[in-house]
């Protein structure tokens, strides 16, 4: 279990992020049109998994906006924004913000995603939601980078993630 904090109070996730170098766990999540997206749908691309609690928090919204901006600059990269928000909320948020370079995905039919990636909160008031994390998967499907954000109210380390991404695309 990852030990992180929520406004300074300790909380735990159900497990740990996949190890760098391992094959990324497969998943099937729900797109805004209620169709399914699988990890294999993005084979041959670098994939950023931007995992977060809810679009209804300012930090989560900021991460989606930032990764949308970064994704537009890297044609061989796809950014998947993943949360327990319903597909309708994802669609509403992305349309309101004019975000077209990320793919919003919901775990509402797939609780195993949070277990497989070790990001489901197992304690505290956010139990059942996903913790804030970033996972980069390379074109061969292997995990190239992970960050479990240590404090829920903080944004991820974009610079570290983008450095790894630049090495993959360079």
N, C-alpha and C. Protein backbone atom coordinates (compact mmCIF):
# COMPACT_ATOMS: atom_id res chain seq x y z
N UNK A 1 0.83 -1.19 0.00
CA UNK A 1 0.00 0.00 0.00
C UNK A 1 0.87 1.25 0.00
N UNK A 2 0.45 2.20 -0.80
CA UNK A 2 1.16 3.48 -0.81
C UNK A 2 0.65 4.33 0.36
N UNK A 3 1.57 4.94 1.05
CA UNK A 3 1.24 5.87 2.14
C UNK A 3 1.28 7.28 1.57
N UNK A 4 0.14 7.93 1.54
CA UNK A 4 0.07 9.30 1.07
C UNK A 4 -0.72 10.11 2.08
N UNK A 5 -0.88 11.39 1.83
CA UNK A 5 -1.64 12.21 2.77
C UNK A 5 -2.75 12.97 2.04
N UNK A 6 -3.77 13.27 2.80
CA UNK A 6 -4.88 14.11 2.36
C UNK A 6 -4.93 15.27 3.34
N UNK A 7 -4.51 16.43 2.89
CA UNK A 7 -4.41 17.62 3.74
C UNK A 7 -3.62 17.30 5.02
N UNK A 8 -2.53 16.56 4.84
CA UNK A 8 -1.63 16.24 5.94
C UNK A 8 -1.99 15.00 6.74
N UNK A 9 -3.18 14.46 6.54
CA UNK A 9 -3.61 13.27 7.28
C UNK A 9 -3.27 12.02 6.47
N UNK A 10 -2.69 11.00 7.11
CA UNK A 10 -2.31 9.79 6.37
C UNK A 10 -3.52 9.02 5.81
N UNK A 11 -3.38 8.58 4.57
CA UNK A 11 -4.35 7.69 3.92
C UNK A 11 -3.55 6.66 3.13
N UNK A 12 -4.19 5.57 2.79
CA UNK A 12 -3.50 4.51 2.07
C UNK A 12 -4.26 4.15 0.80
N UNK A 13 -3.49 3.66 -0.16
CA UNK A 13 -4.10 3.09 -1.36
C UNK A 13 -4.10 1.57 -1.22
N UNK A 14 -4.82 0.94 -2.10
CA UNK A 14 -5.00 -0.51 -2.06
C UNK A 14 -3.72 -1.27 -2.40
N UNK A 15 -2.78 -0.61 -3.04
CA UNK A 15 -1.55 -1.28 -3.45
C UNK A 15 -0.51 -0.26 -3.88
N UNK A 16 0.35 -0.67 -4.78
CA UNK A 16 1.39 0.21 -5.30
C UNK A 16 1.28 0.28 -6.82
N UNK A 17 1.82 1.35 -7.37
CA UNK A 17 1.84 1.48 -8.82
C UNK A 17 2.66 0.36 -9.44
N UNK A 18 2.37 -0.01 -10.68
CA UNK A 18 3.19 -1.02 -11.36
C UNK A 18 4.65 -0.57 -11.42
N UNK A 19 5.55 -1.52 -11.37
CA UNK A 19 6.98 -1.21 -11.40
C UNK A 19 7.42 -0.78 -12.79
N UNK A 20 8.34 0.17 -12.82
CA UNK A 20 8.95 0.59 -14.09
C UNK A 20 9.62 -0.63 -14.71
N UNK A 21 9.39 -0.83 -16.00
CA UNK A 21 9.97 -1.95 -16.73
C UNK A 21 9.01 -3.11 -16.92
N UNK A 22 7.95 -3.17 -16.11
CA UNK A 22 7.00 -4.28 -16.27
C UNK A 22 5.98 -3.94 -17.36
N UNK A 23 5.36 -5.00 -17.88
CA UNK A 23 4.28 -4.81 -18.85
C UNK A 23 3.12 -4.13 -18.13
N UNK A 24 2.56 -3.11 -18.73
CA UNK A 24 1.44 -2.39 -18.11
C UNK A 24 0.22 -3.30 -18.02
N UNK A 25 -0.46 -3.30 -16.87
CA UNK A 25 -1.68 -4.10 -16.75
C UNK A 25 -2.73 -3.63 -17.76
N UNK A 26 -3.40 -4.58 -18.38
CA UNK A 26 -4.44 -4.23 -19.35
C UNK A 26 -5.65 -3.67 -18.61
N UNK A 27 -6.48 -2.95 -19.34
CA UNK A 27 -7.70 -2.41 -18.74
C UNK A 27 -8.72 -2.14 -19.83
N UNK A 28 -9.97 -2.06 -19.41
CA UNK A 28 -11.08 -1.63 -20.25
C UNK A 28 -11.84 -0.58 -19.47
N UNK A 29 -11.90 0.63 -20.00
CA UNK A 29 -12.57 1.74 -19.33
C UNK A 29 -13.63 2.32 -20.26
N UNK A 30 -14.38 3.30 -19.76
CA UNK A 30 -15.53 3.82 -20.50
C UNK A 30 -15.26 5.25 -21.00
N UNK A 31 -15.49 5.45 -22.30
CA UNK A 31 -15.32 6.76 -22.92
C UNK A 31 -16.58 7.61 -22.72
N UNK A 32 -16.51 8.86 -23.13
CA UNK A 32 -17.64 9.78 -22.92
C UNK A 32 -18.89 9.39 -23.71
N UNK A 33 -18.72 8.60 -24.77
CA UNK A 33 -19.89 8.15 -25.54
C UNK A 33 -20.40 6.80 -25.05
N UNK A 34 -19.88 6.35 -23.91
CA UNK A 34 -20.24 5.09 -23.23
C UNK A 34 -19.69 3.85 -23.92
N UNK A 35 -18.88 4.03 -24.96
CA UNK A 35 -18.19 2.89 -25.55
C UNK A 35 -16.96 2.58 -24.71
N UNK A 36 -16.34 1.44 -24.99
CA UNK A 36 -15.19 1.01 -24.19
C UNK A 36 -13.87 1.33 -24.89
N UNK A 37 -12.87 1.59 -24.08
CA UNK A 37 -11.50 1.77 -24.56
C UNK A 37 -10.62 0.80 -23.80
N UNK A 38 -9.76 0.11 -24.54
CA UNK A 38 -8.82 -0.84 -23.95
C UNK A 38 -7.41 -0.31 -24.10
N UNK A 39 -6.52 -0.75 -23.24
CA UNK A 39 -5.12 -0.35 -23.35
C UNK A 39 -4.59 -0.69 -24.74
N UNK A 40 -4.96 -1.85 -25.26
CA UNK A 40 -4.44 -2.27 -26.57
C UNK A 40 -4.88 -1.35 -27.71
N UNK A 41 -5.96 -0.56 -27.50
CA UNK A 41 -6.40 0.39 -28.52
C UNK A 41 -5.33 1.44 -28.82
N UNK A 42 -4.41 1.62 -27.89
CA UNK A 42 -3.40 2.67 -28.01
C UNK A 42 -2.01 2.10 -28.26
N UNK A 43 -1.96 0.84 -28.68
CA UNK A 43 -0.67 0.18 -28.95
C UNK A 43 0.12 0.97 -29.98
N UNK A 44 1.43 1.02 -29.79
CA UNK A 44 2.30 1.73 -30.71
C UNK A 44 2.46 3.21 -30.42
N UNK A 45 1.81 3.68 -29.36
CA UNK A 45 1.94 5.07 -28.94
C UNK A 45 2.49 5.11 -27.52
N UNK A 46 3.11 6.21 -27.17
CA UNK A 46 3.43 6.46 -25.77
C UNK A 46 2.13 6.90 -25.10
N UNK A 47 1.89 6.42 -23.90
CA UNK A 47 0.63 6.67 -23.23
C UNK A 47 0.91 7.30 -21.87
N UNK A 48 0.26 8.43 -21.61
CA UNK A 48 0.29 9.02 -20.28
C UNK A 48 -1.05 8.69 -19.63
N UNK A 49 -1.00 8.01 -18.49
CA UNK A 49 -2.19 7.80 -17.68
C UNK A 49 -2.19 8.90 -16.62
N UNK A 50 -3.10 9.84 -16.74
CA UNK A 50 -3.28 10.89 -15.74
C UNK A 50 -4.45 10.42 -14.88
N UNK A 51 -4.14 9.88 -13.72
CA UNK A 51 -5.13 9.26 -12.83
C UNK A 51 -5.43 10.23 -11.70
N UNK A 52 -6.73 10.40 -11.39
CA UNK A 52 -7.07 11.40 -10.38
C UNK A 52 -8.42 11.10 -9.73
N UNK A 53 -8.72 11.88 -8.67
CA UNK A 53 -9.93 11.69 -7.88
C UNK A 53 -11.20 12.04 -8.64
N UNK A 54 -11.31 13.32 -9.00
CA UNK A 54 -12.53 13.81 -9.62
C UNK A 54 -12.27 15.12 -10.34
N UNK A 55 -12.92 15.29 -11.46
CA UNK A 55 -12.83 16.55 -12.20
C UNK A 55 -13.40 17.71 -11.40
N UNK A 56 -14.16 17.42 -10.37
CA UNK A 56 -14.78 18.46 -9.56
C UNK A 56 -13.84 19.06 -8.52
N UNK A 57 -12.56 18.69 -8.57
CA UNK A 57 -11.57 19.32 -7.70
C UNK A 57 -10.65 20.18 -8.58
N UNK A 58 -10.21 21.29 -8.05
CA UNK A 58 -9.42 22.23 -8.86
C UNK A 58 -8.09 21.63 -9.31
N UNK A 59 -7.46 20.82 -8.46
CA UNK A 59 -6.16 20.24 -8.81
C UNK A 59 -6.32 19.22 -9.93
N UNK A 60 -7.37 18.42 -9.88
CA UNK A 60 -7.60 17.43 -10.94
C UNK A 60 -7.87 18.13 -12.26
N UNK A 61 -8.70 19.16 -12.22
CA UNK A 61 -8.98 19.92 -13.43
C UNK A 61 -7.72 20.54 -14.00
N UNK A 62 -6.86 21.04 -13.13
CA UNK A 62 -5.60 21.65 -13.58
C UNK A 62 -4.72 20.62 -14.27
N UNK A 63 -4.69 19.39 -13.75
CA UNK A 63 -3.84 18.36 -14.37
C UNK A 63 -4.37 17.98 -15.75
N UNK A 64 -5.68 17.92 -15.89
CA UNK A 64 -6.26 17.59 -17.20
C UNK A 64 -5.93 18.70 -18.20
N UNK A 65 -6.07 19.95 -17.79
CA UNK A 65 -5.75 21.07 -18.68
C UNK A 65 -4.27 21.06 -19.07
N UNK A 66 -3.39 20.82 -18.10
CA UNK A 66 -1.94 20.84 -18.38
C UNK A 66 -1.57 19.70 -19.33
N UNK A 67 -2.06 18.49 -19.06
CA UNK A 67 -1.71 17.38 -19.94
C UNK A 67 -2.35 17.54 -21.32
N UNK A 68 -3.51 18.19 -21.41
CA UNK A 68 -4.10 18.48 -22.71
C UNK A 68 -3.16 19.37 -23.52
N UNK A 69 -2.62 20.39 -22.88
CA UNK A 69 -1.68 21.30 -23.56
C UNK A 69 -0.43 20.57 -24.01
N UNK A 70 0.11 19.73 -23.14
CA UNK A 70 1.34 18.99 -23.46
C UNK A 70 1.09 17.96 -24.55
N UNK A 71 -0.08 17.31 -24.53
CA UNK A 71 -0.39 16.26 -25.51
C UNK A 71 -0.47 16.82 -26.91
N UNK A 72 -0.93 18.04 -27.03
CA UNK A 72 -1.08 18.63 -28.35
C UNK A 72 0.27 18.83 -29.03
N UNK A 73 1.35 18.78 -28.27
CA UNK A 73 2.69 18.99 -28.81
C UNK A 73 3.42 17.69 -29.14
N UNK A 74 2.80 16.55 -28.90
CA UNK A 74 3.48 15.26 -29.09
C UNK A 74 2.57 14.30 -29.85
N UNK A 75 2.71 14.23 -31.18
CA UNK A 75 1.78 13.45 -31.99
C UNK A 75 1.82 11.94 -31.76
N UNK A 76 2.91 11.41 -31.22
CA UNK A 76 2.98 9.96 -30.99
C UNK A 76 2.64 9.60 -29.55
N UNK A 77 1.97 10.52 -28.86
CA UNK A 77 1.60 10.30 -27.46
C UNK A 77 0.11 10.51 -27.30
N UNK A 78 -0.51 9.69 -26.47
CA UNK A 78 -1.91 9.85 -26.12
C UNK A 78 -2.00 10.02 -24.61
N UNK A 79 -2.88 10.92 -24.18
CA UNK A 79 -3.08 11.16 -22.75
C UNK A 79 -4.47 10.66 -22.38
N UNK A 80 -4.50 9.71 -21.46
CA UNK A 80 -5.76 9.16 -20.95
C UNK A 80 -5.98 9.74 -19.56
N UNK A 81 -7.06 10.46 -19.39
CA UNK A 81 -7.41 11.07 -18.10
C UNK A 81 -8.45 10.18 -17.43
N UNK A 82 -8.06 9.56 -16.32
CA UNK A 82 -8.83 8.46 -15.73
C UNK A 82 -9.28 8.81 -14.32
N UNK A 83 -10.59 8.67 -14.09
CA UNK A 83 -11.14 8.88 -12.75
C UNK A 83 -12.43 8.08 -12.61
N UNK A 84 -13.01 8.16 -11.41
CA UNK A 84 -14.29 7.51 -11.16
C UNK A 84 -15.47 8.39 -11.56
N UNK A 85 -15.19 9.58 -12.07
CA UNK A 85 -16.27 10.43 -12.58
C UNK A 85 -17.03 9.67 -13.66
N UNK A 86 -18.32 9.92 -13.74
CA UNK A 86 -19.10 9.30 -14.81
C UNK A 86 -18.70 9.90 -16.16
N UNK A 87 -18.90 9.15 -17.24
CA UNK A 87 -18.55 9.66 -18.57
C UNK A 87 -19.22 10.99 -18.89
N UNK A 88 -20.42 11.21 -18.36
CA UNK A 88 -21.14 12.46 -18.62
C UNK A 88 -20.38 13.65 -18.03
N UNK A 89 -19.82 13.47 -16.84
CA UNK A 89 -19.04 14.54 -16.21
C UNK A 89 -17.76 14.80 -16.99
N UNK A 90 -17.10 13.73 -17.45
CA UNK A 90 -15.90 13.90 -18.28
C UNK A 90 -16.23 14.71 -19.53
N UNK A 91 -17.32 14.34 -20.19
CA UNK A 91 -17.70 15.03 -21.42
C UNK A 91 -18.01 16.50 -21.15
N UNK A 92 -18.80 16.75 -20.12
CA UNK A 92 -19.17 18.13 -19.77
C UNK A 92 -17.93 18.97 -19.48
N UNK A 93 -17.00 18.42 -18.69
CA UNK A 93 -15.79 19.16 -18.33
C UNK A 93 -14.95 19.47 -19.56
N UNK A 94 -14.69 18.47 -20.37
CA UNK A 94 -13.83 18.67 -21.55
C UNK A 94 -14.46 19.62 -22.55
N UNK A 95 -15.77 19.53 -22.73
CA UNK A 95 -16.44 20.47 -23.64
C UNK A 95 -16.39 21.89 -23.09
N UNK A 96 -16.66 22.06 -21.81
CA UNK A 96 -16.65 23.39 -21.20
C UNK A 96 -15.26 24.03 -21.25
N UNK A 97 -14.23 23.20 -21.15
CA UNK A 97 -12.85 23.69 -21.14
C UNK A 97 -12.23 23.72 -22.54
N UNK A 98 -12.93 23.19 -23.54
CA UNK A 98 -12.39 23.14 -24.90
C UNK A 98 -11.22 22.19 -25.04
N UNK A 99 -11.22 21.11 -24.29
CA UNK A 99 -10.11 20.16 -24.29
C UNK A 99 -10.36 19.07 -25.32
N UNK A 100 -9.46 18.97 -26.29
CA UNK A 100 -9.63 18.01 -27.38
C UNK A 100 -8.45 17.07 -27.54
N UNK A 101 -7.39 17.25 -26.75
CA UNK A 101 -6.18 16.46 -26.94
C UNK A 101 -5.96 15.42 -25.85
N UNK A 102 -6.95 15.22 -25.00
CA UNK A 102 -6.90 14.14 -24.01
C UNK A 102 -8.10 13.24 -24.24
N UNK A 103 -7.99 12.01 -23.76
CA UNK A 103 -9.10 11.07 -23.84
C UNK A 103 -9.57 10.80 -22.42
N UNK A 104 -10.74 11.32 -22.05
CA UNK A 104 -11.25 11.10 -20.71
C UNK A 104 -11.87 9.71 -20.60
N UNK A 105 -11.54 9.01 -19.52
CA UNK A 105 -12.04 7.65 -19.31
C UNK A 105 -12.53 7.48 -17.88
N UNK A 106 -13.62 6.74 -17.74
CA UNK A 106 -14.20 6.47 -16.43
C UNK A 106 -13.99 5.02 -16.03
N UNK A 107 -13.76 4.81 -14.74
CA UNK A 107 -13.60 3.46 -14.20
C UNK A 107 -14.91 2.92 -13.63
N UNK A 108 -16.02 3.59 -13.88
CA UNK A 108 -17.24 3.22 -13.18
C UNK A 108 -17.70 1.78 -13.45
N UNK A 109 -17.31 1.19 -14.56
CA UNK A 109 -17.62 -0.23 -14.82
C UNK A 109 -16.44 -1.14 -14.51
N UNK A 110 -15.32 -0.57 -14.13
CA UNK A 110 -14.07 -1.34 -14.03
C UNK A 110 -13.30 -1.06 -12.75
N UNK A 111 -13.84 -1.46 -11.60
CA UNK A 111 -13.12 -1.20 -10.34
C UNK A 111 -11.77 -1.91 -10.28
N UNK A 112 -11.57 -2.92 -11.11
CA UNK A 112 -10.29 -3.64 -11.10
C UNK A 112 -9.14 -2.75 -11.58
N UNK A 113 -9.42 -1.69 -12.32
CA UNK A 113 -8.35 -0.78 -12.74
C UNK A 113 -7.60 -0.25 -11.53
N UNK A 114 -8.34 0.25 -10.56
CA UNK A 114 -7.72 0.81 -9.36
C UNK A 114 -6.92 -0.20 -8.58
N UNK A 115 -7.37 -1.45 -8.59
CA UNK A 115 -6.62 -2.52 -7.91
C UNK A 115 -5.36 -2.86 -8.69
N UNK A 116 -5.51 -3.04 -10.01
CA UNK A 116 -4.37 -3.43 -10.85
C UNK A 116 -3.27 -2.37 -10.86
N UNK A 117 -3.67 -1.11 -10.78
CA UNK A 117 -2.69 -0.02 -10.78
C UNK A 117 -2.37 0.47 -9.36
N UNK A 118 -3.01 -0.10 -8.35
CA UNK A 118 -2.70 0.22 -6.96
C UNK A 118 -3.12 1.61 -6.53
N UNK A 119 -4.12 2.19 -7.17
CA UNK A 119 -4.46 3.59 -6.92
C UNK A 119 -5.80 3.83 -6.23
N UNK A 120 -6.55 2.78 -5.90
CA UNK A 120 -7.81 2.98 -5.20
C UNK A 120 -7.53 3.30 -3.74
N UNK A 121 -8.16 4.36 -3.24
CA UNK A 121 -8.01 4.67 -1.82
C UNK A 121 -8.63 3.55 -0.99
N UNK A 122 -7.87 3.07 0.00
CA UNK A 122 -8.33 1.99 0.88
C UNK A 122 -8.69 2.51 2.26
N UNK A 123 -8.38 3.78 2.54
CA UNK A 123 -8.71 4.36 3.84
C UNK A 123 -8.99 5.85 3.67
N UNK A 124 -9.64 6.41 4.67
CA UNK A 124 -9.93 7.84 4.68
C UNK A 124 -11.23 8.18 3.98
N UNK A 125 -11.56 9.47 3.93
CA UNK A 125 -12.85 9.90 3.38
C UNK A 125 -13.00 9.70 1.88
N UNK A 126 -11.90 9.43 1.19
CA UNK A 126 -11.95 9.23 -0.27
C UNK A 126 -11.92 7.75 -0.65
N UNK A 127 -12.14 6.87 0.31
CA UNK A 127 -12.12 5.43 0.06
C UNK A 127 -12.99 5.10 -1.16
N UNK A 128 -12.40 4.33 -2.07
CA UNK A 128 -13.11 3.92 -3.27
C UNK A 128 -12.79 4.77 -4.49
N UNK A 129 -12.34 6.01 -4.27
CA UNK A 129 -11.92 6.85 -5.40
C UNK A 129 -10.47 6.55 -5.75
N UNK A 130 -9.99 7.12 -6.83
CA UNK A 130 -8.61 6.90 -7.27
C UNK A 130 -7.71 8.00 -6.74
N UNK A 131 -6.50 7.62 -6.36
CA UNK A 131 -5.51 8.60 -5.91
C UNK A 131 -4.90 9.29 -7.13
N UNK A 132 -4.22 10.39 -6.87
CA UNK A 132 -3.59 11.14 -7.95
C UNK A 132 -2.26 10.48 -8.30
N UNK A 133 -2.13 10.05 -9.55
CA UNK A 133 -0.92 9.36 -10.00
C UNK A 133 -0.72 9.60 -11.49
N UNK A 134 0.51 9.43 -11.92
CA UNK A 134 0.85 9.49 -13.34
C UNK A 134 1.64 8.24 -13.68
N UNK A 135 1.24 7.58 -14.75
CA UNK A 135 1.96 6.42 -15.26
C UNK A 135 2.21 6.67 -16.74
N UNK A 136 3.46 6.49 -17.17
CA UNK A 136 3.77 6.58 -18.60
C UNK A 136 4.09 5.18 -19.09
N UNK A 137 3.44 4.81 -20.18
CA UNK A 137 3.63 3.50 -20.81
C UNK A 137 4.27 3.75 -22.18
N UNK A 138 5.35 3.05 -22.46
CA UNK A 138 6.04 3.28 -23.74
C UNK A 138 5.34 2.54 -24.88
N UNK A 139 5.85 2.72 -26.08
CA UNK A 139 5.22 2.16 -27.28
C UNK A 139 5.17 0.64 -27.27
N UNK A 140 6.02 0.00 -26.49
CA UNK A 140 6.00 -1.47 -26.41
C UNK A 140 5.07 -1.97 -25.31
N UNK A 141 4.41 -1.06 -24.59
CA UNK A 141 3.47 -1.46 -23.55
C UNK A 141 4.09 -1.63 -22.17
N UNK A 142 5.33 -1.18 -22.02
CA UNK A 142 6.00 -1.30 -20.71
C UNK A 142 5.91 0.02 -19.94
N UNK A 143 5.83 -0.11 -18.63
CA UNK A 143 5.79 1.06 -17.76
C UNK A 143 7.16 1.74 -17.79
N UNK A 144 7.17 3.01 -18.15
CA UNK A 144 8.42 3.77 -18.25
C UNK A 144 8.60 4.76 -17.11
N UNK A 145 7.49 5.12 -16.45
CA UNK A 145 7.55 6.14 -15.39
C UNK A 145 6.31 6.00 -14.53
N UNK A 146 6.48 6.23 -13.23
CA UNK A 146 5.33 6.29 -12.33
C UNK A 146 5.56 7.38 -11.29
N UNK A 147 4.47 7.99 -10.89
CA UNK A 147 4.48 8.90 -9.76
C UNK A 147 3.17 8.75 -9.00
N UNK A 148 3.26 8.37 -7.75
CA UNK A 148 2.12 8.43 -6.84
C UNK A 148 2.28 9.76 -6.11
N UNK A 149 1.43 10.71 -6.41
CA UNK A 149 1.57 12.04 -5.80
C UNK A 149 1.39 11.88 -4.29
N UNK A 150 2.38 12.34 -3.50
CA UNK A 150 2.38 12.05 -2.07
C UNK A 150 1.33 12.78 -1.24
N UNK A 151 0.86 13.91 -1.72
CA UNK A 151 -0.19 14.68 -1.04
C UNK A 151 -1.31 14.90 -2.05
N UNK A 152 -2.50 14.44 -1.69
CA UNK A 152 -3.63 14.45 -2.61
C UNK A 152 -3.91 15.84 -3.19
N UNK A 153 -3.67 16.88 -2.42
CA UNK A 153 -4.00 18.23 -2.87
C UNK A 153 -2.92 18.86 -3.74
N UNK A 154 -1.85 18.13 -4.04
CA UNK A 154 -0.77 18.64 -4.89
C UNK A 154 -0.91 18.12 -6.32
N UNK A 155 -0.39 18.90 -7.26
CA UNK A 155 -0.35 18.47 -8.65
C UNK A 155 0.82 17.52 -8.85
N UNK A 156 0.77 16.70 -9.89
CA UNK A 156 1.90 15.82 -10.18
C UNK A 156 3.13 16.62 -10.60
N UNK A 157 4.26 15.94 -10.63
CA UNK A 157 5.51 16.54 -11.08
C UNK A 157 5.54 16.46 -12.61
N UNK A 158 4.95 17.45 -13.25
CA UNK A 158 4.86 17.46 -14.70
C UNK A 158 6.23 17.40 -15.36
N UNK A 159 7.18 18.15 -14.82
CA UNK A 159 8.51 18.21 -15.43
C UNK A 159 9.16 16.84 -15.48
N UNK A 160 9.07 16.07 -14.39
CA UNK A 160 9.67 14.74 -14.37
C UNK A 160 9.01 13.82 -15.39
N UNK A 161 7.68 13.87 -15.45
CA UNK A 161 6.95 13.03 -16.41
C UNK A 161 7.28 13.43 -17.84
N UNK A 162 7.32 14.71 -18.10
CA UNK A 162 7.58 15.18 -19.46
C UNK A 162 9.02 14.92 -19.88
N UNK A 163 9.94 14.90 -18.93
CA UNK A 163 11.33 14.55 -19.25
C UNK A 163 11.41 13.11 -19.74
N UNK A 164 10.74 12.21 -19.02
CA UNK A 164 10.72 10.80 -19.45
C UNK A 164 10.06 10.68 -20.81
N UNK A 165 8.96 11.38 -21.00
CA UNK A 165 8.27 11.34 -22.29
C UNK A 165 9.18 11.84 -23.41
N UNK A 166 9.91 12.90 -23.16
CA UNK A 166 10.81 13.43 -24.20
C UNK A 166 11.91 12.43 -24.54
N UNK A 167 12.35 11.65 -23.57
CA UNK A 167 13.35 10.61 -23.83
C UNK A 167 12.76 9.49 -24.68
N UNK A 168 11.48 9.21 -24.49
CA UNK A 168 10.82 8.17 -25.28
C UNK A 168 10.56 8.62 -26.71
N UNK A 169 10.29 9.90 -26.88
CA UNK A 169 9.95 10.41 -28.21
C UNK A 169 11.16 10.94 -28.95
N UNK A 170 12.27 11.17 -28.23
CA UNK A 170 13.47 11.77 -28.80
C UNK A 170 14.12 10.92 -29.80
